[in-house]
């Protein structure tokens, strides 16, 4: 898998038009909540979100991120907000 990946996430409107609040399932119980620029947010089909696309919370999105390390059943990824988190491997796909 290359460095550029998508991670499945929930997406909802942020405080500003150019940002979205994202939620990503973690390896250990729970969910990571963060903020990402809209340029990093995509539909599950791979279409980049427009600034008016998300009005309500959706679980059908994905976020562009960077793969730091593949750990087998999990992946260590670098998020757009600068955080590094560990997610289940099935939540990650290569970005083409």
N, C-alpha and C. Protein backbone atom coordinates (compact mmCIF):
# COMPACT_ATOMS: atom_id res chain seq x y z
N UNK A 1 0.85 -1.18 0.00
CA UNK A 1 0.00 0.00 0.00
C UNK A 1 0.90 1.24 0.00
N UNK A 2 0.50 2.23 -0.79
CA UNK A 2 1.28 3.46 -0.87
C UNK A 2 1.07 4.36 0.33
N UNK A 3 1.74 5.50 0.32
CA UNK A 3 1.64 6.46 1.42
C UNK A 3 0.30 7.18 1.47
N UNK A 4 -0.27 7.42 0.33
CA UNK A 4 -1.51 8.19 0.24
C UNK A 4 -2.69 7.22 0.35
N UNK A 5 -3.52 7.40 1.38
CA UNK A 5 -4.62 6.49 1.65
C UNK A 5 -5.92 7.24 1.92
N UNK A 6 -7.00 6.49 1.92
CA UNK A 6 -8.28 6.96 2.42
C UNK A 6 -8.59 6.17 3.68
N UNK A 7 -9.22 6.81 4.65
CA UNK A 7 -9.73 6.12 5.84
C UNK A 7 -11.22 6.43 5.93
N UNK A 8 -12.02 5.39 6.17
CA UNK A 8 -13.47 5.58 6.31
C UNK A 8 -13.76 6.42 7.54
N UNK A 9 -14.78 7.27 7.43
CA UNK A 9 -15.08 8.16 8.55
C UNK A 9 -16.52 8.67 8.47
N UNK A 10 -16.97 9.20 9.59
CA UNK A 10 -18.21 9.96 9.59
C UNK A 10 -17.82 11.42 9.33
N UNK A 11 -18.70 12.14 8.70
CA UNK A 11 -18.42 13.53 8.36
C UNK A 11 -19.63 14.38 8.70
N UNK A 12 -19.39 15.52 9.33
CA UNK A 12 -20.47 16.47 9.57
C UNK A 12 -19.94 17.88 9.40
N UNK A 13 -20.83 18.82 9.26
CA UNK A 13 -20.45 20.21 9.04
C UNK A 13 -19.61 20.72 10.21
N UNK A 14 -18.63 21.54 9.91
CA UNK A 14 -17.80 22.16 10.94
C UNK A 14 -18.28 23.57 11.24
N UNK A 15 -17.50 24.26 12.05
CA UNK A 15 -17.85 25.63 12.42
C UNK A 15 -17.70 26.60 11.25
N UNK A 16 -16.83 26.26 10.31
CA UNK A 16 -16.57 27.12 9.16
C UNK A 16 -16.88 26.36 7.88
N UNK A 17 -17.19 27.06 6.81
CA UNK A 17 -17.59 26.40 5.55
C UNK A 17 -16.49 25.54 4.95
N UNK A 18 -15.25 25.86 5.22
CA UNK A 18 -14.13 25.12 4.64
C UNK A 18 -13.61 23.97 5.48
N UNK A 19 -14.34 23.59 6.53
CA UNK A 19 -13.88 22.48 7.38
C UNK A 19 -15.03 21.53 7.68
N UNK A 20 -14.67 20.31 8.04
CA UNK A 20 -15.63 19.30 8.44
C UNK A 20 -15.15 18.62 9.72
N UNK A 21 -16.08 18.20 10.56
CA UNK A 21 -15.77 17.41 11.74
C UNK A 21 -15.82 15.96 11.30
N UNK A 22 -14.76 15.22 11.59
CA UNK A 22 -14.68 13.83 11.16
C UNK A 22 -14.57 12.91 12.38
N UNK A 23 -15.06 11.70 12.22
CA UNK A 23 -14.96 10.67 13.25
C UNK A 23 -14.40 9.41 12.63
N UNK A 24 -13.34 8.87 13.21
CA UNK A 24 -12.68 7.68 12.67
C UNK A 24 -12.63 6.61 13.75
N UNK A 25 -13.02 5.38 13.40
CA UNK A 25 -12.99 4.27 14.35
C UNK A 25 -11.55 3.92 14.68
N UNK A 26 -11.26 3.78 15.97
CA UNK A 26 -9.92 3.44 16.43
C UNK A 26 -9.78 1.95 16.69
N UNK A 27 -8.53 1.45 16.72
CA UNK A 27 -8.27 0.04 17.02
C UNK A 27 -8.80 -0.29 18.40
N UNK A 28 -8.41 0.50 19.36
CA UNK A 28 -8.94 0.31 20.70
C UNK A 28 -10.31 0.98 20.72
N UNK A 29 -11.15 0.58 21.63
CA UNK A 29 -12.53 1.07 21.61
C UNK A 29 -12.58 2.59 21.50
N UNK A 30 -13.58 3.03 20.81
CA UNK A 30 -13.78 4.46 20.69
C UNK A 30 -13.62 4.98 19.29
N UNK A 31 -13.74 6.28 19.20
CA UNK A 31 -13.69 6.98 17.92
C UNK A 31 -12.84 8.22 18.09
N UNK A 32 -12.02 8.51 17.10
CA UNK A 32 -11.24 9.74 17.08
C UNK A 32 -12.08 10.82 16.43
N UNK A 33 -12.24 11.95 17.08
CA UNK A 33 -12.94 13.09 16.52
C UNK A 33 -11.94 14.20 16.25
N UNK A 34 -12.01 14.77 15.07
CA UNK A 34 -11.10 15.84 14.71
C UNK A 34 -11.73 16.74 13.66
N UNK A 35 -10.97 17.70 13.21
CA UNK A 35 -11.41 18.64 12.19
C UNK A 35 -10.47 18.51 10.99
N UNK A 36 -11.05 18.53 9.79
CA UNK A 36 -10.25 18.42 8.58
C UNK A 36 -10.71 19.44 7.55
N UNK A 37 -9.78 19.98 6.77
CA UNK A 37 -10.17 20.86 5.67
C UNK A 37 -11.05 20.08 4.68
N UNK A 38 -12.00 20.74 4.09
CA UNK A 38 -12.93 20.07 3.18
C UNK A 38 -12.20 19.41 2.01
N UNK A 39 -11.04 19.92 1.63
CA UNK A 39 -10.27 19.35 0.52
C UNK A 39 -9.85 17.91 0.79
N UNK A 40 -9.85 17.48 2.04
CA UNK A 40 -9.45 16.13 2.41
C UNK A 40 -10.66 15.18 2.53
N UNK A 41 -11.87 15.69 2.36
CA UNK A 41 -13.09 14.91 2.60
C UNK A 41 -13.72 14.45 1.28
N UNK A 42 -14.10 13.16 1.25
CA UNK A 42 -14.64 12.54 0.05
C UNK A 42 -15.87 11.71 0.38
N UNK A 43 -16.71 11.46 -0.63
CA UNK A 43 -17.79 10.51 -0.47
C UNK A 43 -17.19 9.11 -0.51
N UNK A 44 -17.96 8.10 -0.13
CA UNK A 44 -17.47 6.71 -0.20
C UNK A 44 -17.12 6.31 -1.63
N UNK A 45 -17.73 6.98 -2.61
CA UNK A 45 -17.46 6.68 -4.01
C UNK A 45 -16.21 7.38 -4.53
N UNK A 46 -15.60 8.23 -3.70
CA UNK A 46 -14.36 8.90 -4.10
C UNK A 46 -14.53 10.30 -4.67
N UNK A 47 -15.73 10.85 -4.59
CA UNK A 47 -15.96 12.21 -5.08
C UNK A 47 -15.62 13.21 -3.98
N UNK A 48 -14.83 14.21 -4.34
CA UNK A 48 -14.48 15.23 -3.34
C UNK A 48 -15.74 16.01 -2.96
N UNK A 49 -15.88 16.30 -1.65
CA UNK A 49 -17.05 17.03 -1.18
C UNK A 49 -16.98 18.49 -1.57
N UNK A 50 -18.13 19.03 -1.91
CA UNK A 50 -18.23 20.47 -2.16
C UNK A 50 -18.56 21.14 -0.82
N UNK A 51 -18.36 22.42 -0.73
CA UNK A 51 -18.59 23.13 0.53
C UNK A 51 -20.03 23.04 1.01
N UNK A 52 -20.96 22.77 0.13
CA UNK A 52 -22.37 22.71 0.53
C UNK A 52 -22.89 21.28 0.67
N UNK A 53 -22.06 20.28 0.46
CA UNK A 53 -22.52 18.89 0.42
C UNK A 53 -23.05 18.38 1.76
N UNK A 54 -22.33 18.60 2.85
CA UNK A 54 -22.71 18.02 4.14
C UNK A 54 -23.48 19.05 4.96
N UNK A 55 -24.72 18.73 5.25
CA UNK A 55 -25.53 19.55 6.14
C UNK A 55 -25.81 18.80 7.43
N UNK A 56 -25.85 17.49 7.35
CA UNK A 56 -26.09 16.65 8.52
C UNK A 56 -24.98 15.61 8.61
N UNK A 57 -24.90 14.96 9.76
CA UNK A 57 -23.89 13.93 9.96
C UNK A 57 -24.13 12.76 9.01
N UNK A 58 -23.06 12.22 8.48
CA UNK A 58 -23.13 11.05 7.62
C UNK A 58 -22.02 10.09 7.99
N UNK A 59 -22.28 8.79 7.90
CA UNK A 59 -21.24 7.78 8.14
C UNK A 59 -20.67 7.28 6.83
N UNK A 60 -21.03 7.93 5.75
CA UNK A 60 -20.64 7.44 4.44
C UNK A 60 -19.57 8.27 3.76
N UNK A 61 -18.50 8.55 4.48
CA UNK A 61 -17.44 9.33 3.87
C UNK A 61 -16.08 8.69 4.05
N UNK A 62 -15.11 9.33 3.47
CA UNK A 62 -13.73 8.92 3.69
C UNK A 62 -12.84 10.15 3.65
N UNK A 63 -11.71 10.01 4.29
CA UNK A 63 -10.79 11.12 4.48
C UNK A 63 -9.44 10.78 3.89
N UNK A 64 -8.84 11.71 3.17
CA UNK A 64 -7.49 11.53 2.65
C UNK A 64 -6.51 11.68 3.82
N UNK A 65 -5.60 10.73 3.95
CA UNK A 65 -4.61 10.74 5.03
C UNK A 65 -3.32 10.11 4.52
N UNK A 66 -2.34 9.97 5.40
CA UNK A 66 -1.05 9.35 5.04
C UNK A 66 -0.82 8.11 5.90
N UNK A 67 -0.39 7.04 5.25
CA UNK A 67 -0.04 5.83 5.97
C UNK A 67 1.36 5.99 6.56
N UNK A 68 1.48 5.84 7.87
CA UNK A 68 2.78 5.90 8.54
C UNK A 68 3.38 4.49 8.58
N UNK A 69 2.54 3.52 9.01
CA UNK A 69 3.03 2.14 9.11
C UNK A 69 1.85 1.18 9.07
N UNK A 70 2.02 0.12 8.28
CA UNK A 70 1.06 -0.97 8.23
C UNK A 70 1.46 -1.95 9.33
N UNK A 71 0.55 -2.23 10.27
CA UNK A 71 0.87 -3.07 11.42
C UNK A 71 0.12 -4.41 11.32
N UNK A 72 -0.25 -4.83 10.13
CA UNK A 72 -0.98 -6.08 9.95
C UNK A 72 -2.47 -5.89 10.06
N UNK A 73 -3.03 -6.14 11.25
CA UNK A 73 -4.47 -5.98 11.47
C UNK A 73 -4.86 -4.52 11.68
N UNK A 74 -3.88 -3.64 11.77
CA UNK A 74 -4.16 -2.22 11.98
C UNK A 74 -3.18 -1.38 11.16
N UNK A 75 -3.46 -0.09 11.12
CA UNK A 75 -2.60 0.84 10.39
C UNK A 75 -2.42 2.10 11.23
N UNK A 76 -1.20 2.59 11.26
CA UNK A 76 -0.89 3.85 11.91
C UNK A 76 -0.97 4.91 10.82
N UNK A 77 -1.86 5.90 11.00
CA UNK A 77 -2.05 6.91 9.96
C UNK A 77 -1.87 8.33 10.51
N UNK A 78 -1.42 9.21 9.62
CA UNK A 78 -1.21 10.62 9.93
C UNK A 78 -2.40 11.39 9.39
N UNK A 79 -3.12 12.05 10.28
CA UNK A 79 -4.34 12.77 9.93
C UNK A 79 -4.03 14.20 9.45
N UNK A 80 -4.94 14.81 8.69
CA UNK A 80 -4.74 16.18 8.22
C UNK A 80 -4.54 17.20 9.34
N UNK A 81 -5.06 16.92 10.55
CA UNK A 81 -4.90 17.87 11.65
C UNK A 81 -3.59 17.67 12.42
N UNK A 82 -2.72 16.76 11.94
CA UNK A 82 -1.41 16.56 12.55
C UNK A 82 -1.34 15.43 13.55
N UNK A 83 -2.47 14.80 13.88
CA UNK A 83 -2.49 13.68 14.82
C UNK A 83 -2.13 12.39 14.11
N UNK A 84 -1.52 11.47 14.85
CA UNK A 84 -1.26 10.12 14.36
C UNK A 84 -2.11 9.17 15.17
N UNK A 85 -2.91 8.34 14.48
CA UNK A 85 -3.83 7.43 15.16
C UNK A 85 -3.69 6.03 14.59
N UNK A 86 -4.14 5.02 15.35
CA UNK A 86 -4.12 3.64 14.89
C UNK A 86 -5.55 3.19 14.64
N UNK A 87 -5.80 2.72 13.42
CA UNK A 87 -7.14 2.32 13.01
C UNK A 87 -7.12 0.87 12.53
N UNK A 88 -8.28 0.19 12.54
CA UNK A 88 -8.34 -1.17 11.98
C UNK A 88 -7.98 -1.14 10.49
N UNK A 89 -7.25 -2.14 10.03
CA UNK A 89 -6.80 -2.19 8.64
C UNK A 89 -7.95 -2.13 7.64
N UNK A 90 -9.12 -2.71 8.00
CA UNK A 90 -10.24 -2.72 7.06
C UNK A 90 -10.85 -1.34 6.86
N UNK A 91 -10.47 -0.36 7.66
CA UNK A 91 -10.97 1.01 7.50
C UNK A 91 -10.14 1.82 6.49
N UNK A 92 -9.04 1.23 6.01
CA UNK A 92 -8.07 1.94 5.16
C UNK A 92 -8.07 1.36 3.75
N UNK A 93 -7.97 2.25 2.76
CA UNK A 93 -7.82 1.81 1.37
C UNK A 93 -6.81 2.71 0.68
N UNK A 94 -6.13 2.14 -0.32
CA UNK A 94 -5.14 2.92 -1.06
C UNK A 94 -5.84 4.00 -1.87
N UNK A 95 -5.23 5.16 -1.89
CA UNK A 95 -5.77 6.29 -2.66
C UNK A 95 -5.11 6.29 -4.03
N UNK A 96 -5.90 6.24 -5.07
CA UNK A 96 -5.35 6.14 -6.44
C UNK A 96 -5.40 7.45 -7.14
